[in-house]
Amino acid sequence: MNVCPGTILTLQSSAANGYLWSTGATTRSIAVSAGGTYWVKAYSGPNCSAQSSNQVVTMLTAPATPSISANGSLALTASHPSVVLTSTTANSYSWSSGQATRAITVTTQGAYRVTVTGSNGCQATSTAALISANGCTPPAVPTITLSGSAVITSGQSVTLTSSTAGGYLWSTGATTKSITVTSAGNLHCSCI
């Protein structure tokens, strides 16, 4: 199984009375974030067990982190109403504004990032280019910290906390600095 850096795989055993993974874990499932060979021994009794076949996880190489260049100032003015942002070369591009070309033309203030995809399907995301307008510079791109694992199972929850800003708007609609989630998803916070 080939996986990209940053990917967390959940390996789960079929039902048994007890489990022993090659990592030493004794739960039915484990979260894997590194390459290696994994197996699980399932127990139906103290001296009765069966071992699975090996699951080989190969960690692929992510593309180089892209950088963004601009055709001039990052400040929008009446005489400079747009900025062209260009990513370094990759197989494909996905900008935070929704475009999928190597270069985009920006006419509104905000933080713009690009995620590039390499030939093996792995991705890397740039730092943000901060475009200002009318003397207003957007805040630094927020970072999100987790109170626990990014992998949760039924009945579990994790608290996500944004870095400090003047205001917050989560993809869930919440406007607090921290939110608690109980289901999987791709969450982000826009700080104002």
Protein backbone atom coordinates (compact mmCIF):
# COMPACT_ATOMS: atom_id res chain seq x y z
CA MET A 1 0.00 0.00 0.00
CA ASN A 2 1.50 3.34 -1.08
CA VAL A 3 0.65 6.41 0.99
CA CYS A 4 1.66 10.06 0.95
CA PRO A 5 3.37 11.86 3.84
CA GLY A 6 0.85 13.23 6.32
CA THR A 7 -1.66 10.46 5.58
CA ILE A 8 -2.99 8.57 8.58
CA LEU A 9 -4.19 5.04 7.84
CA THR A 10 -6.45 3.08 10.13
CA LEU A 11 -5.72 -0.65 10.07
CA GLN A 12 -8.45 -2.78 11.65
CA SER A 13 -8.48 -6.43 12.54
CA SER A 14 -11.44 -8.74 12.16
CA ALA A 15 -13.29 -9.37 15.43
CA ALA A 16 -11.54 -11.44 18.09
CA ASN A 17 -11.22 -11.69 21.88
CA GLY A 18 -7.81 -10.01 21.92
CA TYR A 19 -5.25 -8.40 19.64
CA LEU A 20 -1.51 -7.88 19.45
CA TRP A 21 -0.13 -5.72 16.64
CA SER A 22 3.44 -5.66 15.38
CA THR A 23 3.63 -2.17 16.93
CA GLY A 24 2.76 -3.56 20.37
CA ALA A 25 -0.77 -2.10 20.34
CA THR A 26 -3.53 -4.30 21.76
CA THR A 27 -6.58 -2.53 20.32
CA ARG A 28 -8.69 -3.78 17.43
CA SER A 29 -7.50 -0.95 15.16
CA ILE A 30 -4.36 1.17 14.97
CA ALA A 31 -3.52 4.49 13.31
CA VAL A 32 -0.47 4.30 11.04
CA SER A 33 1.47 7.34 9.84
CA ALA A 34 4.81 5.76 8.86
CA GLY A 35 5.98 3.22 6.33
CA GLY A 36 6.67 -0.31 7.49
CA THR A 37 5.36 -3.85 7.70
CA TYR A 38 2.35 -4.35 9.96
CA TRP A 39 0.56 -7.49 11.17
CA VAL A 40 -1.89 -8.38 13.90
CA LYS A 41 -2.24 -11.51 16.00
CA ALA A 42 -5.85 -12.19 16.98
CA TYR A 43 -6.68 -14.26 20.05
CA SER A 44 -9.73 -16.41 20.76
CA GLY A 45 -8.27 -17.62 24.05
CA PRO A 46 -5.08 -17.44 26.16
CA ASN A 47 -3.12 -19.92 24.03
CA CYS A 48 -5.13 -19.82 20.81
CA SER A 49 -4.19 -17.21 18.21
CA ALA A 50 -3.80 -16.60 14.50
CA GLN A 51 -1.56 -14.05 12.80
CA SER A 52 -2.59 -12.03 9.76
CA SER A 53 -0.54 -11.73 6.62
CA ASN A 54 1.81 -8.75 6.47
CA GLN A 55 0.48 -5.36 5.37
CA VAL A 56 3.34 -3.42 3.79
CA VAL A 57 2.94 0.36 3.90
CA THR A 58 5.30 2.33 1.65
CA MET A 59 5.66 6.05 2.30
CA LEU A 60 5.94 8.02 -0.94
CA THR A 61 7.84 11.28 -1.37
CA ALA A 62 5.86 14.53 -1.38
CA PRO A 63 6.70 17.16 -3.99
CA ALA A 64 8.81 20.13 -2.94
CA THR A 65 6.84 22.75 -1.02
CA PRO A 66 5.73 25.24 -3.66
CA SER A 67 6.56 28.92 -3.49
CA ILE A 68 4.43 31.76 -4.85
CA SER A 69 5.84 34.70 -6.79
CA ALA A 70 4.00 37.92 -7.65
CA ASN A 71 4.31 40.21 -10.66
CA GLY A 72 4.69 43.23 -8.40
CA SER A 73 3.44 44.65 -5.13
CA LEU A 74 1.07 42.56 -2.99
CA ALA A 75 -0.93 45.73 -2.21
CA LEU A 76 -3.98 46.43 -4.38
CA THR A 77 -4.46 50.10 -5.25
CA ALA A 78 -6.41 52.13 -7.80
CA SER A 79 -3.37 52.15 -10.08
CA HIS A 80 -2.53 48.49 -9.34
CA PRO A 81 -5.94 46.74 -9.18
CA SER A 82 -4.69 43.17 -9.66
CA VAL A 83 -1.78 40.91 -8.81
CA VAL A 84 -0.69 37.82 -10.75
CA LEU A 85 0.43 35.02 -8.42
CA THR A 86 2.46 32.17 -9.94
CA SER A 87 3.33 28.83 -8.39
CA THR A 88 6.53 26.91 -8.90
CA THR A 89 6.19 24.07 -11.41
CA ALA A 90 4.21 20.91 -10.56
CA ASN A 91 1.93 18.35 -12.23
CA SER A 92 -1.26 20.10 -11.10
CA TYR A 93 -2.34 23.05 -8.96
CA SER A 94 -5.19 23.81 -6.58
CA TRP A 95 -5.43 27.35 -5.20
CA SER A 96 -7.31 28.27 -2.04
CA SER A 97 -9.44 30.52 -4.26
CA GLY A 98 -10.57 27.55 -6.36
CA GLN A 99 -8.48 27.97 -9.52
CA ALA A 100 -6.47 25.09 -10.95
CA THR A 101 -3.91 26.87 -13.14
CA ARG A 102 -0.25 27.57 -12.39
CA ALA A 103 -0.87 31.35 -12.30
CA ILE A 104 -3.92 33.24 -11.06
CA THR A 105 -4.98 36.88 -11.17
CA VAL A 106 -6.07 38.27 -7.81
CA THR A 107 -8.30 41.34 -7.45
CA THR A 108 -9.41 41.04 -3.80
CA GLN A 109 -7.47 41.03 -0.56
CA GLY A 110 -6.89 37.80 1.32
CA ALA A 111 -4.48 34.97 1.99
CA TYR A 112 -3.79 32.84 -1.08
CA ARG A 113 -2.19 29.40 -0.94
CA VAL A 114 -1.52 26.80 -3.60
CA THR A 115 -1.46 23.03 -3.20
CA VAL A 116 0.56 21.21 -5.83
CA THR A 117 0.35 17.54 -6.78
CA GLY A 118 3.41 15.55 -7.82
CA SER A 119 3.61 12.75 -10.37
CA ASN A 120 2.96 10.13 -7.65
CA GLY A 121 -0.22 11.87 -6.45
CA CYS A 122 1.25 13.30 -3.25
CA GLN A 123 0.66 16.95 -2.40
CA ALA A 124 2.40 19.90 -0.77
CA THR A 125 0.98 23.31 0.19
CA SER A 126 2.70 26.68 0.06
CA THR A 127 2.79 29.34 2.72
CA ALA A 128 0.25 32.08 2.05
CA ALA A 129 0.71 35.15 -0.09
CA LEU A 130 -1.05 37.97 1.79
CA ILE A 131 -2.77 40.43 -0.55
CA SER A 132 -3.74 43.75 1.01
CA ALA A 133 -6.19 46.39 -0.19
CA ASN A 134 -7.11 49.89 0.96
CA GLY A 135 -4.38 49.81 3.59
CA CYS A 136 -5.79 46.67 5.22
CA THR A 137 -3.48 43.67 5.44
CA PRO A 138 -5.13 40.34 6.31
CA PRO A 139 -3.92 38.63 9.49
CA ALA A 140 -1.40 35.82 9.41
CA VAL A 141 -2.78 32.49 8.23
CA PRO A 142 -4.17 30.77 11.35
CA THR A 143 -2.80 27.51 12.66
CA ILE A 144 -5.01 24.86 14.24
CA THR A 145 -3.92 22.68 17.15
CA LEU A 146 -5.67 19.46 18.24
CA SER A 147 -6.35 18.31 21.81
CA GLY A 148 -5.71 14.71 20.78
CA SER A 149 -5.40 12.46 17.76
CA ALA A 150 -6.62 13.47 14.31
CA VAL A 151 -8.13 9.97 14.06
CA ILE A 152 -11.30 9.48 16.10
CA THR A 153 -13.68 6.57 16.41
CA SER A 154 -17.37 6.48 17.20
CA GLY A 155 -18.12 8.19 20.50
CA GLN A 156 -14.86 10.13 20.60
CA SER A 157 -14.29 13.86 20.12
CA VAL A 158 -11.36 16.20 19.55
CA THR A 159 -11.05 19.92 20.30
CA LEU A 160 -9.58 22.16 17.60
CA THR A 161 -8.12 25.52 18.65
CA SER A 162 -7.13 28.37 16.34
CA SER A 163 -4.16 30.64 16.84
CA THR A 164 -5.08 34.02 18.34
CA ALA A 165 -6.87 36.56 16.12
CA GLY A 166 -9.43 39.35 16.39
CA GLY A 167 -12.26 37.07 15.27
CA TYR A 168 -12.91 33.56 13.99
CA LEU A 169 -15.11 31.82 11.43
CA TRP A 170 -14.86 28.03 11.21
CA SER A 171 -15.99 25.97 8.24
CA THR A 172 -18.74 24.66 10.58
CA GLY A 173 -20.08 28.20 11.07
CA ALA A 174 -18.75 28.50 14.65
CA THR A 175 -17.21 31.84 15.66
CA THR A 176 -15.30 30.79 18.80
CA LYS A 177 -11.55 30.27 19.12
CA SER A 178 -12.04 26.52 19.79
CA ILE A 179 -14.54 23.96 18.56
CA THR A 180 -15.19 20.33 19.51
CA VAL A 181 -15.86 17.87 16.69
CA THR A 182 -17.16 14.31 16.84
CA SER A 183 -17.10 13.37 13.15
CA ALA A 184 -14.53 13.24 10.39
CA GLY A 185 -14.12 16.12 7.98
CA ASN A 186 -11.79 18.72 6.48
CA LEU A 187 -12.07 21.72 8.80
CA HIS A 188 -10.54 25.18 8.56
CA CYS A 189 -10.73 28.53 10.33
CA SER A 190 -10.74 32.00 8.77
CA CYS A 191 -9.42 34.56 11.23
CA ILE A 192 -10.35 38.21 10.99
